[in-house]
Amino acid sequence: MTQPHRCAWAQNDPLMSQYHDTEWGVPEYDSRALWEKLILDGFQSGLSWRTILYRRDAFRHAFAGFDPVKIAAFTAADVERLLQDSGIIRSRQKIEAAIGNAKAYLAMQAAGEDFSDWAWAFVEGTPLQNSGPVPAQTELSLTISKALKKRGFKFVGPVVVYAWMQAVGMVNDHAADCFCRNGPVQTADPRA
């Protein structure tokens, strides 16, 4: 049986292939899920996505299912607990950023800003189609990065934001010959 042609980064690892085929680049419109993926992309900074993907379940356990209300209530003792958790990336800066990002997410919510609506407004609710070389960052990822930082988010530089935009389907960066290029990727917000 012939294997479908995937983006090169997802060819040789079963978990990466599954992630590529079912999640990466598929538009995500759920606010909490978007926020979780942003936090995980922040933890990826300086590392490979494979490292994060293989630890994602441990991250979900350590960070209370990525419930922003629970994470925002984490204390210094929780930070110390997380620094001892070998299942996650044990970076004090990234852990503290995740806690602060939960607070920033909740502050947006309290101000009446839906995180999904806010994020997707940058691309007018429809994934951008990239047909050229895949960049590390773009002017748009820089703009979103600045907007996130203005709201108090950390570990959201333009490279992290662009990786997040790819992961959540705000931009379609599947290779031209990848079966997902025109496959599972939706073209518009199903809430509309």
Protein backbone atom coordinates (compact mmCIF):
# COMPACT_ATOMS: atom_id res chain seq x y z
CA MET A 1 0.00 0.00 0.00
CA THR A 2 1.36 3.40 -0.97
CA GLN A 3 1.77 5.89 1.84
CA PRO A 4 0.32 9.36 1.25
CA HIS A 5 2.87 12.06 0.61
CA ARG A 6 3.25 14.26 3.68
CA CYS A 7 5.25 17.31 4.55
CA ALA A 8 8.87 16.18 4.97
CA TRP A 9 8.96 16.80 8.75
CA ALA A 10 6.15 14.28 9.30
CA GLN A 11 7.40 11.40 7.14
CA ASN A 12 9.37 9.17 9.49
CA ASP A 13 7.75 9.23 12.92
CA PRO A 14 4.32 7.65 13.57
CA LEU A 15 3.26 10.21 16.20
CA MET A 16 4.43 13.13 14.06
CA SER A 17 2.61 11.64 11.05
CA GLN A 18 -0.61 11.29 13.05
CA TYR A 19 -0.30 14.85 14.36
CA HIS A 20 0.37 16.13 10.83
CA ASP A 21 -2.53 14.21 9.32
CA THR A 22 -5.15 15.09 11.93
CA GLU A 23 -4.18 18.32 13.70
CA TRP A 24 -1.43 20.45 12.17
CA GLY A 25 -2.88 23.09 9.93
CA VAL A 26 -6.48 22.17 10.71
CA PRO A 27 -8.22 25.39 11.74
CA GLU A 28 -8.91 25.48 15.46
CA TYR A 29 -11.63 27.88 16.59
CA ASP A 30 -12.03 26.86 20.23
CA SER A 31 -10.54 29.60 22.44
CA ARG A 32 -9.18 27.31 25.14
CA ALA A 33 -7.66 24.89 22.61
CA LEU A 34 -6.05 27.82 20.75
CA TRP A 35 -4.60 29.04 24.04
CA GLU A 36 -3.29 25.56 24.94
CA LYS A 37 -1.50 25.31 21.61
CA LEU A 38 0.02 28.76 22.11
CA ILE A 39 1.35 27.69 25.51
CA LEU A 40 2.81 24.48 24.06
CA ASP A 41 4.44 26.45 21.24
CA GLY A 42 5.99 28.69 23.88
CA PHE A 43 7.45 25.62 25.57
CA GLN A 44 8.78 24.51 22.18
CA SER A 45 10.90 27.66 21.87
CA GLY A 46 14.46 26.48 21.23
CA LEU A 47 13.37 22.83 20.96
CA SER A 48 11.78 20.56 18.38
CA TRP A 49 8.04 20.08 18.14
CA ARG A 50 8.65 16.34 18.41
CA THR A 51 9.96 16.89 21.95
CA ILE A 52 6.77 18.71 22.93
CA LEU A 53 4.43 16.34 21.12
CA TYR A 54 5.87 13.31 22.91
CA ARG A 55 5.36 15.11 26.24
CA ARG A 56 1.97 16.65 25.49
CA ASP A 57 0.02 14.27 27.74
CA ALA A 58 2.45 14.96 30.60
CA PHE A 59 2.01 18.69 30.00
CA ARG A 60 -1.76 18.31 30.10
CA HIS A 61 -1.53 16.42 33.39
CA ALA A 62 0.99 18.85 34.94
CA PHE A 63 -0.99 21.91 33.84
CA ALA A 64 -4.44 20.80 35.01
CA GLY A 65 -5.74 19.97 31.54
CA PHE A 66 -4.74 23.46 30.41
CA ASP A 67 -7.60 24.97 32.35
CA PRO A 68 -6.67 28.68 32.45
CA VAL A 69 -8.59 29.28 35.70
CA LYS A 70 -6.66 26.53 37.50
CA ILE A 71 -3.31 27.54 36.02
CA ALA A 72 -3.81 31.22 36.89
CA ALA A 73 -4.18 30.11 40.53
CA PHE A 74 -0.85 28.24 40.55
CA THR A 75 1.46 29.34 43.36
CA ALA A 76 5.22 29.39 43.89
CA ALA A 77 4.84 25.85 45.27
CA ASP A 78 3.26 24.78 41.98
CA VAL A 79 6.19 26.28 40.08
CA GLU A 80 8.59 24.26 42.25
CA ARG A 81 6.47 21.12 41.70
CA LEU A 82 6.58 21.64 37.95
CA LEU A 83 10.34 22.18 38.02
CA GLN A 84 10.63 18.65 39.42
CA ASP A 85 8.34 17.09 36.79
CA SER A 86 10.56 15.20 34.33
CA GLY A 87 7.62 14.70 31.98
CA ILE A 88 7.62 18.36 30.91
CA ILE A 89 10.17 21.00 29.93
CA ARG A 90 11.52 22.20 33.26
CA SER A 91 12.19 25.83 32.47
CA ARG A 92 11.26 28.27 35.22
CA GLN A 93 10.77 31.08 32.69
CA LYS A 94 8.45 29.01 30.51
CA ILE A 95 6.48 27.68 33.48
CA GLU A 96 6.03 31.16 34.91
CA ALA A 97 5.08 32.43 31.45
CA ALA A 98 2.37 29.75 31.18
CA ILE A 99 0.92 30.90 34.50
CA GLY A 100 1.08 34.55 33.44
CA ASN A 101 -0.43 33.66 30.08
CA ALA A 102 -3.38 32.04 31.85
CA LYS A 103 -3.91 35.31 33.70
CA ALA A 104 -3.64 37.28 30.44
CA TYR A 105 -6.13 34.94 28.74
CA LEU A 106 -8.58 35.36 31.62
CA ALA A 107 -8.11 39.15 31.58
CA MET A 108 -9.06 39.18 27.89
CA GLN A 109 -12.10 37.06 28.71
CA ALA A 110 -13.09 39.38 31.58
CA ALA A 111 -12.80 42.35 29.19
CA GLY A 112 -15.22 40.65 26.79
CA GLU A 113 -12.56 39.56 24.28
CA ASP A 114 -13.02 36.03 23.02
CA PHE A 115 -9.52 34.67 22.35
CA SER A 116 -10.60 32.83 19.21
CA ASP A 117 -12.45 35.78 17.72
CA TRP A 118 -9.50 38.03 18.57
CA ALA A 119 -6.89 35.71 17.03
CA TRP A 120 -8.85 34.83 13.89
CA ALA A 121 -9.65 38.50 13.22
CA PHE A 122 -5.99 38.88 12.18
CA VAL A 123 -6.71 36.64 9.15
CA GLU A 124 -10.34 37.69 8.73
CA GLY A 125 -11.52 34.26 9.89
CA THR A 126 -10.02 32.37 6.94
CA PRO A 127 -6.68 30.54 6.77
CA LEU A 128 -3.97 32.21 4.75
CA GLN A 129 -2.57 30.08 1.93
CA ASN A 130 1.22 30.18 1.76
CA SER A 131 2.49 29.09 -1.62
CA GLY A 132 6.13 30.05 -1.24
CA PRO A 133 8.99 29.00 0.99
CA VAL A 134 7.98 28.48 4.62
CA PRO A 135 9.23 31.43 6.66
CA ALA A 136 10.26 31.35 10.32
CA GLN A 137 8.18 34.47 10.92
CA THR A 138 6.18 37.04 9.01
CA GLU A 139 5.07 40.63 9.41
CA LEU A 140 1.71 39.28 10.57
CA SER A 141 3.27 37.00 13.21
CA LEU A 142 5.24 40.03 14.43
CA THR A 143 2.02 42.06 14.63
CA ILE A 144 0.22 39.30 16.56
CA SER A 145 3.25 38.83 18.82
CA LYS A 146 3.22 42.52 19.72
CA ALA A 147 -0.54 42.42 20.35
CA LEU A 148 -0.17 39.38 22.62
CA LYS A 149 2.69 40.99 24.55
CA LYS A 150 0.62 44.15 24.96
CA ARG A 151 -2.00 41.97 26.68
CA GLY A 152 0.64 40.50 29.01
CA PHE A 153 1.57 37.27 27.23
CA LYS A 154 5.16 35.97 27.36
CA PHE A 155 7.12 33.50 25.20
CA VAL A 156 5.11 34.69 22.22
CA GLY A 157 7.80 36.09 19.94
CA PRO A 158 7.11 36.23 16.20
CA VAL A 159 8.73 32.82 15.52
CA VAL A 160 6.65 31.13 18.24
CA VAL A 161 3.53 32.92 16.97
CA TYR A 162 4.17 31.81 13.39
CA ALA A 163 4.59 28.18 14.50
CA TRP A 164 1.33 28.55 16.41
CA MET A 165 -0.41 30.06 13.37
CA GLN A 166 0.69 27.02 11.34
CA ALA A 167 -0.39 24.55 14.04
CA VAL A 168 -3.87 26.05 14.48
CA GLY A 169 -4.50 26.50 10.77
CA MET A 170 -4.37 30.28 10.58
CA VAL A 171 -1.88 29.74 7.79
CA ASN A 172 -1.70 26.69 5.53
CA ASP A 173 1.95 25.77 5.16
CA HIS A 174 1.47 22.18 4.01
CA ALA A 175 3.85 21.42 1.14
CA ALA A 176 2.36 21.78 -2.32
CA ASP A 177 2.50 17.99 -2.85
CA CYS A 178 1.25 17.09 0.65
CA PHE A 179 -2.08 15.29 0.69
CA CYS A 180 -3.25 17.67 3.45
CA ARG A 181 -2.62 20.77 1.35
CA ASN A 182 -6.18 20.69 0.08
CA GLY A 183 -7.47 17.92 2.34
CA PRO A 184 -8.66 18.26 5.92
CA VAL A 185 -7.88 21.96 6.15
CA GLN A 186 -11.14 23.91 6.37
CA THR A 187 -11.45 27.18 4.49
CA ALA A 188 -13.72 29.14 6.82
CA ASP A 189 -14.85 29.38 10.41
CA PRO A 190 -17.64 26.81 10.92
CA ARG A 191 -19.22 29.12 13.52
CA ALA A 192 -20.10 31.66 10.80
